[in-house]
N, C-alpha and C. Protein backbone atom coordinates (compact mmCIF):
# COMPACT_ATOMS: atom_id res chain seq x y z
N MET A 1 -81.47 37.35 66.06
CA MET A 1 -80.85 36.33 64.94
C MET A 1 -82.37 35.95 64.53
N ASP A 2 -82.37 35.46 62.86
CA ASP A 2 -83.56 35.02 62.52
C ASP A 2 -83.14 33.50 62.01
N ILE A 3 -84.13 32.95 63.02
CA ILE A 3 -83.87 31.24 62.76
C ILE A 3 -84.70 30.72 62.31
N PHE A 4 -84.66 30.16 60.87
CA PHE A 4 -85.48 29.45 59.60
C PHE A 4 -85.17 27.79 60.33
N THR A 5 -86.32 27.25 60.74
CA THR A 5 -86.35 25.76 60.99
C THR A 5 -86.87 24.70 60.06
N VAL A 6 -86.19 23.71 59.70
CA VAL A 6 -86.46 23.01 58.72
C VAL A 6 -86.73 21.60 59.13
N SER A 7 -87.68 20.69 59.17
CA SER A 7 -87.60 19.29 59.42
C SER A 7 -87.90 18.64 58.40
N PHE A 8 -87.69 17.33 58.32
CA PHE A 8 -87.66 16.49 57.35
C PHE A 8 -88.30 15.28 57.52
N PHE A 9 -89.14 14.49 56.66
CA PHE A 9 -90.07 13.33 56.54
C PHE A 9 -89.86 12.46 55.61
N GLY A 10 -89.43 11.47 55.95
CA GLY A 10 -89.77 10.30 54.51
C GLY A 10 -89.91 8.55 55.08
N HIS A 11 -89.98 8.06 54.43
CA HIS A 11 -90.32 6.44 54.57
C HIS A 11 -89.02 5.83 54.66
N ARG A 12 -89.19 4.67 55.23
CA ARG A 12 -88.28 4.06 55.91
C ARG A 12 -87.10 3.34 54.71
N MET A 13 -88.01 3.06 53.53
CA MET A 13 -86.99 2.12 52.72
C MET A 13 -88.05 3.56 51.36
N LEU A 14 -86.94 3.78 50.56
CA LEU A 14 -87.03 4.90 49.79
C LEU A 14 -86.87 4.12 48.34
N GLU A 15 -87.46 4.61 47.27
CA GLU A 15 -87.15 4.08 45.76
C GLU A 15 -86.38 5.28 45.32
N ASN A 16 -85.63 5.42 44.43
CA ASN A 16 -84.74 6.45 43.70
C ASN A 16 -83.82 7.53 44.66
N ALA A 17 -83.45 6.69 45.40
CA ALA A 17 -82.10 7.34 46.35
C ALA A 17 -81.20 8.30 45.89
N LEU A 18 -80.93 8.16 44.75
CA LEU A 18 -79.77 8.92 44.32
C LEU A 18 -80.40 10.36 43.59
N GLU A 19 -81.79 10.54 42.99
CA GLU A 19 -82.54 11.44 42.92
C GLU A 19 -83.12 12.34 43.89
N VAL A 20 -83.63 11.42 45.11
CA VAL A 20 -83.77 12.13 46.46
C VAL A 20 -82.81 13.13 46.90
N GLU A 21 -81.12 12.55 46.93
CA GLU A 21 -80.13 13.16 47.11
C GLU A 21 -79.92 14.23 46.45
N LYS A 22 -80.03 14.25 45.08
CA LYS A 22 -80.07 15.32 44.35
C LYS A 22 -80.45 16.38 44.29
N HIS A 23 -82.11 16.15 44.65
CA HIS A 23 -83.28 17.40 44.86
C HIS A 23 -82.69 17.92 46.34
N LEU A 24 -82.38 17.08 47.12
CA LEU A 24 -81.63 17.84 48.65
C LEU A 24 -80.99 18.76 48.42
N GLU A 25 -79.86 18.09 47.72
CA GLU A 25 -78.84 19.16 47.74
C GLU A 25 -78.73 20.46 47.08
N VAL A 26 -79.85 20.41 46.13
CA VAL A 26 -80.45 21.93 45.66
C VAL A 26 -80.89 22.39 47.03
N LEU A 27 -81.92 21.92 47.16
CA LEU A 27 -82.98 22.73 48.65
C LEU A 27 -82.04 23.11 49.60
N LEU A 28 -80.78 22.32 49.73
CA LEU A 28 -79.83 22.78 50.93
C LEU A 28 -79.04 23.85 50.80
N HIS A 29 -78.53 23.84 49.51
CA HIS A 29 -77.62 25.08 49.44
C HIS A 29 -78.83 26.33 49.54
N ASP A 30 -79.89 25.98 48.84
CA ASP A 30 -80.75 27.04 48.73
C ASP A 30 -81.13 28.19 49.98
N LEU A 31 -81.47 26.98 51.03
CA LEU A 31 -81.54 27.20 52.87
C LEU A 31 -80.40 27.82 53.17
N ILE A 32 -79.56 26.89 53.07
CA ILE A 32 -78.23 27.42 54.10
C ILE A 32 -77.50 29.10 53.43
N THR A 33 -77.66 29.35 52.17
CA THR A 33 -77.39 30.23 51.42
C THR A 33 -78.14 31.76 51.49
N GLN A 34 -79.58 31.03 51.81
CA GLN A 34 -80.45 32.42 51.55
C GLN A 34 -81.11 32.77 52.81
N HIS A 35 -80.69 32.15 54.37
CA HIS A 35 -81.05 32.46 55.54
C HIS A 35 -80.00 32.49 56.37
N GLU A 36 -80.33 33.56 57.21
CA GLU A 36 -79.40 34.04 58.35
C GLU A 36 -79.00 32.89 59.32
N TYR A 37 -79.77 31.93 59.55
CA TYR A 37 -79.69 30.89 59.98
C TYR A 37 -80.55 29.80 60.32
N VAL A 38 -80.23 28.53 60.13
CA VAL A 38 -81.05 27.54 59.72
C VAL A 38 -80.72 26.21 60.81
N GLU A 39 -81.81 26.16 61.14
CA GLU A 39 -82.39 25.00 62.22
C GLU A 39 -82.88 23.73 61.29
N PHE A 40 -82.17 22.59 61.36
CA PHE A 40 -82.42 20.92 60.80
C PHE A 40 -83.04 20.60 61.81
N LEU A 41 -84.32 19.85 61.63
CA LEU A 41 -84.79 19.26 62.48
C LEU A 41 -85.09 17.65 62.04
N ILE A 42 -84.32 16.62 62.45
CA ILE A 42 -84.53 15.43 61.99
C ILE A 42 -84.69 14.36 63.06
N GLY A 43 -85.41 13.11 62.26
CA GLY A 43 -85.31 11.72 63.00
C GLY A 43 -84.12 10.99 62.60
N ARG A 44 -84.36 9.96 63.06
CA ARG A 44 -83.36 8.72 62.21
C ARG A 44 -84.63 7.46 62.75
N ASP A 45 -85.73 7.40 61.62
CA ASP A 45 -86.15 6.31 62.06
C ASP A 45 -86.26 5.57 60.14
N GLY A 46 -85.44 5.92 59.71
CA GLY A 46 -85.51 5.23 58.25
C GLY A 46 -84.64 5.47 57.07
N GLU A 47 -84.53 5.17 56.06
CA GLU A 47 -83.77 5.25 55.09
C GLU A 47 -83.43 6.82 54.51
N PHE A 48 -84.69 7.48 54.61
CA PHE A 48 -84.62 8.89 54.17
C PHE A 48 -84.27 9.78 55.04
N ASP A 49 -84.36 9.44 56.46
CA ASP A 49 -83.57 10.17 57.84
C ASP A 49 -82.09 10.13 57.36
N LEU A 50 -82.19 8.94 57.30
CA LEU A 50 -80.24 8.86 57.30
C LEU A 50 -79.46 9.89 56.16
N LEU A 51 -80.45 9.38 55.01
CA LEU A 51 -79.79 10.10 53.88
C LEU A 51 -79.64 11.94 54.13
N ALA A 52 -80.64 12.19 54.66
CA ALA A 52 -81.34 13.81 54.73
C ALA A 52 -80.14 14.11 55.49
N ALA A 53 -80.01 13.30 56.38
CA ALA A 53 -78.96 14.19 57.68
C ALA A 53 -77.41 14.04 57.00
N SER A 54 -77.19 13.14 56.27
CA SER A 54 -75.98 12.75 55.48
C SER A 54 -75.70 13.95 54.40
N ALA A 55 -76.74 14.43 53.89
CA ALA A 55 -77.03 15.29 52.80
C ALA A 55 -76.61 16.66 53.41
N ILE A 56 -77.13 17.15 54.52
CA ILE A 56 -77.35 18.15 55.63
C ILE A 56 -75.51 18.38 55.55
N ARG A 57 -75.03 17.15 56.34
CA ARG A 57 -73.48 17.42 56.92
C ARG A 57 -72.40 17.80 55.83
N ARG A 58 -73.03 17.34 54.30
CA ARG A 58 -72.36 17.39 53.45
C ARG A 58 -72.60 18.84 53.13
N ALA A 59 -73.92 19.60 52.85
CA ALA A 59 -74.25 20.82 52.71
C ALA A 59 -73.35 21.73 53.47
N VAL A 60 -73.41 21.61 54.99
CA VAL A 60 -72.98 22.49 55.82
C VAL A 60 -71.40 22.69 55.64
N ARG A 61 -70.70 21.45 55.09
CA ARG A 61 -69.34 21.44 54.94
C ARG A 61 -69.20 22.06 53.81
N GLN A 62 -69.76 21.89 52.59
CA GLN A 62 -69.83 22.70 51.19
C GLN A 62 -69.99 24.49 51.58
N TYR A 63 -71.02 24.49 51.97
CA TYR A 63 -72.02 25.97 51.77
C TYR A 63 -71.88 26.60 53.40
N GLY A 64 -71.69 26.08 54.59
CA GLY A 64 -71.95 26.65 55.24
C GLY A 64 -70.99 27.74 56.01
N CYS A 65 -71.55 28.58 56.86
CA CYS A 65 -70.32 29.62 57.22
C CYS A 65 -70.52 29.79 58.62
N GLY A 66 -71.48 28.26 59.28
CA GLY A 66 -71.51 28.56 61.00
C GLY A 66 -73.05 28.86 61.07
N ASN A 67 -73.60 29.00 59.88
CA ASN A 67 -75.34 29.44 60.56
C ASN A 67 -76.17 28.11 60.39
N THR A 68 -75.67 26.78 60.70
CA THR A 68 -76.88 25.88 60.70
C THR A 68 -76.48 24.83 62.12
N THR A 69 -77.77 24.20 62.66
CA THR A 69 -77.64 23.40 63.40
C THR A 69 -78.35 22.13 63.04
N LEU A 70 -77.58 20.95 63.06
CA LEU A 70 -78.72 19.60 63.15
C LEU A 70 -78.69 18.73 64.42
N THR A 71 -80.01 18.88 64.49
CA THR A 71 -80.78 18.26 65.74
C THR A 71 -81.59 17.12 65.39
N LEU A 72 -81.07 16.10 66.03
CA LEU A 72 -81.85 14.89 66.13
C LEU A 72 -82.80 14.68 67.09
N VAL A 73 -84.26 14.78 67.02
CA VAL A 73 -85.09 14.79 67.75
C VAL A 73 -85.65 13.48 67.43
N LEU A 74 -85.47 12.89 69.30
CA LEU A 74 -86.00 11.32 69.22
C LEU A 74 -87.06 11.55 70.06
N PRO A 75 -88.13 10.48 69.64
CA PRO A 75 -89.37 10.26 70.34
C PRO A 75 -89.45 9.78 71.84
N TYR A 76 -88.16 9.32 72.17
CA TYR A 76 -88.06 9.01 73.95
C TYR A 76 -86.95 8.82 73.60
N LEU A 77 -86.34 8.25 75.05
CA LEU A 77 -85.21 7.67 75.36
C LEU A 77 -84.60 6.56 74.52
N ARG A 78 -84.02 6.14 73.79
CA ARG A 78 -83.97 4.94 73.14
C ARG A 78 -82.95 4.32 73.85
N ALA A 79 -82.47 3.00 73.72
CA ALA A 79 -81.36 2.41 74.28
C ALA A 79 -80.15 2.75 73.37
N GLU A 80 -80.34 2.35 72.05
CA GLU A 80 -79.45 2.67 71.03
C GLU A 80 -78.51 4.00 71.59
N TYR A 81 -79.11 5.13 71.60
CA TYR A 81 -78.55 6.57 72.04
C TYR A 81 -78.02 6.23 73.43
N ARG A 82 -78.75 5.62 74.52
CA ARG A 82 -78.24 5.85 75.59
C ARG A 82 -77.04 5.34 75.44
N ASP A 83 -76.85 3.95 75.03
CA ASP A 83 -75.43 3.07 74.86
C ASP A 83 -74.26 3.78 74.20
N ASN A 84 -74.60 4.66 73.20
CA ASN A 84 -73.71 5.31 72.15
C ASN A 84 -73.63 6.86 72.15
N GLU A 85 -73.89 7.04 72.98
CA GLU A 85 -74.22 8.86 73.25
C GLU A 85 -73.12 9.61 72.65
N GLN A 86 -72.12 9.23 72.88
CA GLN A 86 -70.79 10.08 72.49
C GLN A 86 -70.60 9.91 71.03
N ASN A 87 -71.09 8.90 70.16
CA ASN A 87 -71.34 9.03 68.40
C ASN A 87 -72.23 9.93 68.12
N TYR A 88 -73.40 9.57 68.69
CA TYR A 88 -74.59 10.53 68.45
C TYR A 88 -73.95 12.17 68.26
N LEU A 89 -73.19 12.40 69.50
CA LEU A 89 -73.06 13.91 69.65
C LEU A 89 -71.77 14.47 68.93
N GLN A 90 -71.19 13.40 68.35
CA GLN A 90 -70.16 13.76 67.43
C GLN A 90 -70.73 14.03 65.68
N TYR A 91 -71.92 13.14 65.85
CA TYR A 91 -72.23 13.31 64.15
C TYR A 91 -73.29 14.31 64.10
N TYR A 92 -74.36 14.85 65.22
CA TYR A 92 -75.16 15.66 65.54
C TYR A 92 -75.18 16.81 66.31
N ASP A 93 -75.18 18.02 65.91
CA ASP A 93 -74.98 19.56 66.71
C ASP A 93 -75.67 19.34 68.08
N GLU A 94 -76.95 18.60 67.89
CA GLU A 94 -77.73 18.45 69.48
C GLU A 94 -78.63 17.40 69.12
N VAL A 95 -78.90 16.66 70.33
CA VAL A 95 -80.04 15.62 70.48
C VAL A 95 -80.92 16.04 71.58
N GLU A 96 -82.17 15.79 71.26
CA GLU A 96 -83.23 16.16 72.05
C GLU A 96 -84.33 14.99 72.25
N ILE A 97 -84.53 14.97 73.10
CA ILE A 97 -86.15 14.02 73.26
C ILE A 97 -87.12 14.59 73.52
N CYS A 98 -88.34 14.79 72.54
CA CYS A 98 -89.38 15.16 72.26
C CYS A 98 -90.21 15.24 73.89
N THR A 99 -90.77 15.73 74.65
CA THR A 99 -91.14 16.19 75.73
C THR A 99 -92.58 15.20 75.68
N GLU A 100 -93.35 15.95 74.73
CA GLU A 100 -94.47 15.32 74.31
C GLU A 100 -94.82 13.87 73.97
N SER A 101 -93.62 13.48 73.25
CA SER A 101 -93.78 12.08 72.72
C SER A 101 -93.34 10.84 73.78
N ALA A 102 -92.46 11.47 74.79
CA ALA A 102 -91.52 10.92 75.61
C ALA A 102 -92.71 10.73 76.61
N ALA A 103 -93.58 11.07 77.10
CA ALA A 103 -94.87 10.88 77.97
C ALA A 103 -95.90 9.83 77.32
N ALA A 104 -96.00 9.86 76.10
CA ALA A 104 -96.82 9.14 75.33
C ALA A 104 -96.78 7.35 75.26
N HIS A 105 -97.71 6.45 74.99
CA HIS A 105 -97.49 5.20 74.60
C HIS A 105 -96.62 5.05 74.02
N TYR A 106 -95.41 4.44 73.40
CA TYR A 106 -94.31 3.93 72.36
C TYR A 106 -94.78 4.10 71.40
N LYS A 107 -96.18 3.45 71.00
CA LYS A 107 -96.87 2.80 69.75
C LYS A 107 -97.02 4.42 69.15
N SER A 108 -97.46 5.27 69.95
CA SER A 108 -97.97 6.52 69.11
C SER A 108 -96.84 8.08 69.31
N ALA A 109 -95.68 7.34 69.68
CA ALA A 109 -94.72 8.36 70.11
C ALA A 109 -93.99 8.86 69.21
N ILE A 110 -93.99 8.13 67.90
CA ILE A 110 -93.17 8.64 66.60
C ILE A 110 -93.94 9.59 66.09
N GLN A 111 -95.55 9.55 66.10
CA GLN A 111 -96.08 10.47 65.14
C GLN A 111 -96.16 11.85 66.32
N ILE A 112 -96.52 11.50 67.48
CA ILE A 112 -96.57 12.80 68.45
C ILE A 112 -95.30 13.69 67.98
N ARG A 113 -93.93 13.19 68.07
CA ARG A 113 -92.82 13.67 67.91
C ARG A 113 -92.52 14.13 66.26
N ASN A 114 -93.29 13.57 65.53
CA ASN A 114 -93.36 14.32 64.03
C ASN A 114 -94.33 15.63 64.06
N ARG A 115 -95.71 15.28 64.86
CA ARG A 115 -96.34 16.61 64.75
C ARG A 115 -95.75 17.70 65.38
N CYS A 116 -95.07 17.27 66.40
CA CYS A 116 -94.39 18.04 67.41
C CYS A 116 -93.19 19.05 66.25
N MET A 117 -92.63 18.38 65.79
CA MET A 117 -91.33 18.81 64.65
C MET A 117 -91.90 19.64 63.49
N VAL A 118 -93.42 19.34 62.98
CA VAL A 118 -94.03 19.98 62.23
C VAL A 118 -94.45 21.57 62.49
N ASP A 119 -94.86 21.26 64.17
CA ASP A 119 -95.74 22.70 64.58
C ASP A 119 -94.00 23.42 64.56
N ARG A 120 -93.20 23.27 65.39
CA ARG A 120 -91.82 24.12 65.36
C ARG A 120 -91.25 24.64 63.86
N SER A 121 -91.74 23.59 62.93
CA SER A 121 -90.99 24.11 61.50
C SER A 121 -91.27 25.37 60.76
N ASP A 122 -90.60 26.39 59.88
CA ASP A 122 -91.03 26.94 58.89
C ASP A 122 -91.30 26.62 57.72
N LEU A 123 -90.84 25.23 57.29
CA LEU A 123 -90.84 24.77 56.47
C LEU A 123 -90.57 22.69 56.67
N VAL A 124 -91.39 22.38 55.98
CA VAL A 124 -91.12 20.92 56.08
C VAL A 124 -91.15 19.92 54.70
N ILE A 125 -89.96 19.30 54.74
CA ILE A 125 -89.38 18.65 53.41
C ILE A 125 -89.77 17.12 53.79
N PHE A 126 -90.70 16.60 52.55
CA PHE A 126 -91.36 15.46 52.79
C PHE A 126 -90.60 14.70 51.42
N CYS A 127 -90.39 13.50 51.72
CA CYS A 127 -90.34 12.38 50.34
C CYS A 127 -90.88 11.48 50.83
N VAL A 128 -92.54 11.29 50.18
CA VAL A 128 -93.49 10.44 50.53
C VAL A 128 -93.50 10.19 49.40
N GLN A 129 -93.61 8.54 48.91
CA GLN A 129 -93.78 7.76 47.66
C GLN A 129 -94.81 7.01 47.54
N ARG A 130 -95.53 6.84 49.18
CA ARG A 130 -96.43 6.09 49.00
C ARG A 130 -97.46 6.70 50.04
N GLN A 131 -99.04 6.20 49.69
CA GLN A 131 -100.08 6.94 50.53
C GLN A 131 -100.25 5.73 51.44
N SER A 132 -99.29 5.73 52.55
CA SER A 132 -99.34 4.76 54.03
C SER A 132 -97.96 5.44 54.78
N GLY A 133 -98.36 4.92 56.17
CA GLY A 133 -97.25 5.09 56.71
C GLY A 133 -97.23 6.56 57.50
N GLY A 134 -96.36 6.35 58.51
CA GLY A 134 -96.11 7.50 59.27
C GLY A 134 -95.78 8.84 58.64
N ALA A 135 -94.96 8.73 57.84
CA ALA A 135 -94.61 10.17 56.78
C ALA A 135 -95.66 10.73 56.16
N TYR A 136 -96.62 9.53 55.52
CA TYR A 136 -97.68 10.20 54.70
C TYR A 136 -98.73 10.71 55.62
N ARG A 137 -98.89 10.13 57.01
CA ARG A 137 -99.60 11.01 57.87
C ARG A 137 -99.07 11.84 58.31
N THR A 138 -98.07 12.24 58.71
CA THR A 138 -97.34 13.39 58.89
C THR A 138 -97.53 14.50 57.77
N LEU A 139 -97.56 14.28 56.42
CA LEU A 139 -97.55 15.13 55.33
C LEU A 139 -99.42 15.70 55.30
N GLN A 140 -99.89 14.33 55.47
CA GLN A 140 -101.39 14.94 55.82
C GLN A 140 -101.62 16.01 56.64
N TYR A 141 -101.10 16.01 58.08
CA TYR A 141 -101.07 16.79 59.05
C TYR A 141 -100.40 18.16 58.97
N ALA A 142 -99.40 18.50 58.27
CA ALA A 142 -98.81 19.43 57.52
C ALA A 142 -99.73 20.15 56.98
N ARG A 143 -100.56 19.36 55.91
CA ARG A 143 -101.45 19.98 54.77
C ARG A 143 -102.45 20.63 55.31
N LYS A 144 -103.23 20.07 56.44
CA LYS A 144 -104.31 20.00 57.31
C LYS A 144 -103.66 21.60 58.36
N THR A 145 -102.82 21.94 58.68
CA THR A 145 -102.27 22.58 59.35
C THR A 145 -102.07 24.18 58.69
N GLY A 146 -101.85 24.06 57.29
CA GLY A 146 -101.61 24.95 56.41
C GLY A 146 -99.92 25.07 56.83
N LYS A 147 -99.39 24.18 57.26
CA LYS A 147 -97.49 24.21 57.18
C LYS A 147 -97.21 24.60 55.98
N GLN A 148 -95.99 25.02 55.98
CA GLN A 148 -95.30 25.31 54.43
C GLN A 148 -94.64 24.01 54.23
N TYR A 149 -94.91 23.55 53.25
CA TYR A 149 -94.29 22.14 52.52
C TYR A 149 -93.15 22.19 51.49
N LEU A 150 -92.53 21.06 51.29
CA LEU A 150 -91.91 20.75 49.91
C LEU A 150 -91.96 19.09 49.86
N SER A 151 -92.42 18.88 48.61
CA SER A 151 -92.62 17.37 48.69
C SER A 151 -91.30 17.03 47.23
N ILE A 152 -90.41 16.25 47.76
CA ILE A 152 -89.28 15.55 46.78
C ILE A 152 -89.97 15.11 45.99
N ALA A 153 -90.75 13.86 46.23
CA ALA A 153 -91.15 12.97 45.57
C ALA A 153 -92.03 13.44 44.42
N ASP A 154 -92.54 14.72 44.42
CA ASP A 154 -93.34 15.04 43.50
C ASP A 154 -92.41 15.74 42.01
N SER A 155 -91.44 15.72 42.27
CA SER A 155 -90.59 16.27 41.51
C SER A 155 -89.40 15.16 40.97
N ILE A 156 -89.84 13.77 41.40
CA ILE A 156 -89.08 12.73 41.09
C ILE A 156 -89.80 12.00 40.08
């Protein structure tokens, strides 16, 4: 089976969330209908992550034919996940803890997890609206490594 892996990164706070969501809906339709199997990787560290996860779940219900997986990738075991594991497992198809970031200092763990997600991905979707923060650093990493990416913020 041909698996196409897509990860998502954006800022904690979004501007124009409705416009971002509209762009995501079009992208997700194309990804789900044009690939044999799509693995979506996402964090849970801000407004964009939550918006993207919700858009993915809606698109899978609307266009999906059993050809997707929505995976939450945590940088380390968080108390929120440990205390609410069943709720997470009802929402996400899979939850994994990034091995590389789990072994790192917590202040660098999210960026290490982000780089691991980029490295695993065939396509990275960004919503980076300012030149600062972890999502921006991850975009710079994707560019530096030559990873294929799309920037939703460029279209808004």
